[in-house]
Each structure stands twice: as structure tokens, then as C-alpha cells.
Amino acid sequence: METQTNSPQKKKGQKQTGLQTEPENLKGTFAAVLIVGGIILLSWFGVFGLFLERA
């Protein structure tokens, strides 16, 4: 049976953790959040408009 050891070796494709990491690019995440937020706002105003129309 093979046992696992905690070795500090860096595997291929794995990001290094610690103080020497590169900053992540979050522009795509920000754009996605803005799009989802816009959809939520548009749907909220649409439902609010229906409420005002029927009142």
C-alpha cells in the first residue's frame, strides 16, 4: 500500500502558494458580476413596473 507524504514539491500546473504569487486577473469575473447584476436590476424594475401598472 502506498502512503502519502507532505512534500514541498510543486506539481506541474499547480500555482505556488505563499508570498511570491502573481496577482490574479479578475477582469472577467468583474464583467460577469456586472452582467448578472444588470440582469437582476432589469428584472426587478420589470416586475416593479408590472406592479405599478396593475395597482
C-alpha atoms as a PDB file:
ATOM      1  CA  MET A   1       0.000   0.000   0.000  1.00  0.00           C
ATOM      2  CA  GLU A   2       1.287   3.430  -0.949  1.00  0.00           C
ATOM      3  CA  THR A   3       1.391   6.168   1.686  1.00  0.00           C
ATOM      4  CA  GLN A   4       1.038   9.873   1.033  1.00  0.00           C
ATOM      5  CA  THR A   5       3.667  12.283   2.268  1.00  0.00           C
ATOM      6  CA  ASN A   6       3.514  16.039   2.597  1.00  0.00           C
ATOM      7  CA  SER A   7       6.404  17.068   0.390  1.00  0.00           C
ATOM      8  CA  PRO A   8       7.024  20.665  -0.692  1.00  0.00           C
ATOM      9  CA  GLN A   9       7.420  19.643  -4.339  1.00  0.00           C
ATOM     10  CA  LYS A  10       5.471  21.727  -6.813  1.00  0.00           C
ATOM     11  CA  LYS A  11       3.378  19.684  -9.233  1.00  0.00           C
ATOM     12  CA  LYS A  12       3.093  20.652 -12.886  1.00  0.00           C
ATOM     13  CA  GLY A  13       0.243  23.112 -13.479  1.00  0.00           C
ATOM     14  CA  GLN A  14      -0.139  23.969  -9.807  1.00  0.00           C
ATOM     15  CA  LYS A  15       0.165  27.572  -8.642  1.00  0.00           C
ATOM     16  CA  GLN A  16       2.749  28.357  -5.995  1.00  0.00           C
ATOM     17  CA  THR A  17       1.335  29.473  -2.677  1.00  0.00           C
ATOM     18  CA  GLY A  18       2.982  31.975  -0.389  1.00  0.00           C
ATOM     19  CA  LEU A  19       4.306  35.491  -0.721  1.00  0.00           C
ATOM     20  CA  GLN A  20       5.712  35.109  -4.233  1.00  0.00           C
ATOM     21  CA  THR A  21       2.427  34.546  -6.076  1.00  0.00           C
ATOM     22  CA  GLU A  22       1.397  36.517  -9.133  1.00  0.00           C
ATOM     23  CA  PRO A  23      -1.749  38.669  -8.855  1.00  0.00           C
ATOM     24  CA  GLU A  24      -4.762  37.022 -10.467  1.00  0.00           C
ATOM     25  CA  ASN A  25      -6.534  38.669 -13.384  1.00  0.00           C
ATOM     26  CA  LEU A  26     -10.143  39.240 -12.277  1.00  0.00           C
ATOM     27  CA  LYS A  27     -11.401  41.347 -15.192  1.00  0.00           C
ATOM     28  CA  GLY A  28     -13.565  38.515 -16.496  1.00  0.00           C
ATOM     29  CA  THR A  29     -15.041  37.924 -13.066  1.00  0.00           C
ATOM     30  CA  PHE A  30     -15.845  41.613 -12.690  1.00  0.00           C
ATOM     31  CA  ALA A  31     -17.540  41.689 -16.101  1.00  0.00           C
ATOM     32  CA  ALA A  32     -19.610  38.606 -15.256  1.00  0.00           C
ATOM     33  CA  VAL A  33     -20.712  40.130 -11.950  1.00  0.00           C
ATOM     34  CA  LEU A  34     -21.738  43.343 -13.715  1.00  0.00           C
ATOM     35  CA  ILE A  35     -23.739  41.395 -16.301  1.00  0.00           C
ATOM     36  CA  VAL A  36     -25.540  39.310 -13.666  1.00  0.00           C
ATOM     37  CA  GLY A  37     -26.198  42.434 -11.583  1.00  0.00           C
ATOM     38  CA  GLY A  38     -27.624  44.197 -14.635  1.00  0.00           C
ATOM     39  CA  ILE A  39     -29.940  41.281 -15.358  1.00  0.00           C
ATOM     40  CA  ILE A  40     -31.148  41.284 -11.751  1.00  0.00           C
ATOM     41  CA  LEU A  41     -31.769  45.048 -11.846  1.00  0.00           C
ATOM     42  CA  LEU A  42     -33.632  44.864 -15.162  1.00  0.00           C
ATOM     43  CA  SER A  43     -35.837  42.045 -13.926  1.00  0.00           C
ATOM     44  CA  TRP A  44     -36.521  43.896 -10.643  1.00  0.00           C
ATOM     45  CA  PHE A  45     -37.562  47.070 -12.473  1.00  0.00           C
ATOM     46  CA  GLY A  46     -39.670  44.996 -14.868  1.00  0.00           C
ATOM     47  CA  VAL A  47     -41.568  43.362 -12.016  1.00  0.00           C
ATOM     48  CA  PHE A  48     -41.903  46.721 -10.254  1.00  0.00           C
ATOM     49  CA  GLY A  49     -43.334  48.241 -13.442  1.00  0.00           C
ATOM     50  CA  LEU A  50     -45.876  45.421 -13.680  1.00  0.00           C
ATOM     51  CA  PHE A  51     -46.807  46.047 -10.039  1.00  0.00           C
ATOM     52  CA  LEU A  52     -47.367  49.751 -10.682  1.00  0.00           C
ATOM     53  CA  GLU A  53     -49.340  49.059 -13.852  1.00  0.00           C
ATOM     54  CA  ARG A  54     -51.759  46.678 -12.110  1.00  0.00           C
ATOM     55  CA  ALA A  55     -52.182  48.742  -8.936  1.00  0.00           C
END
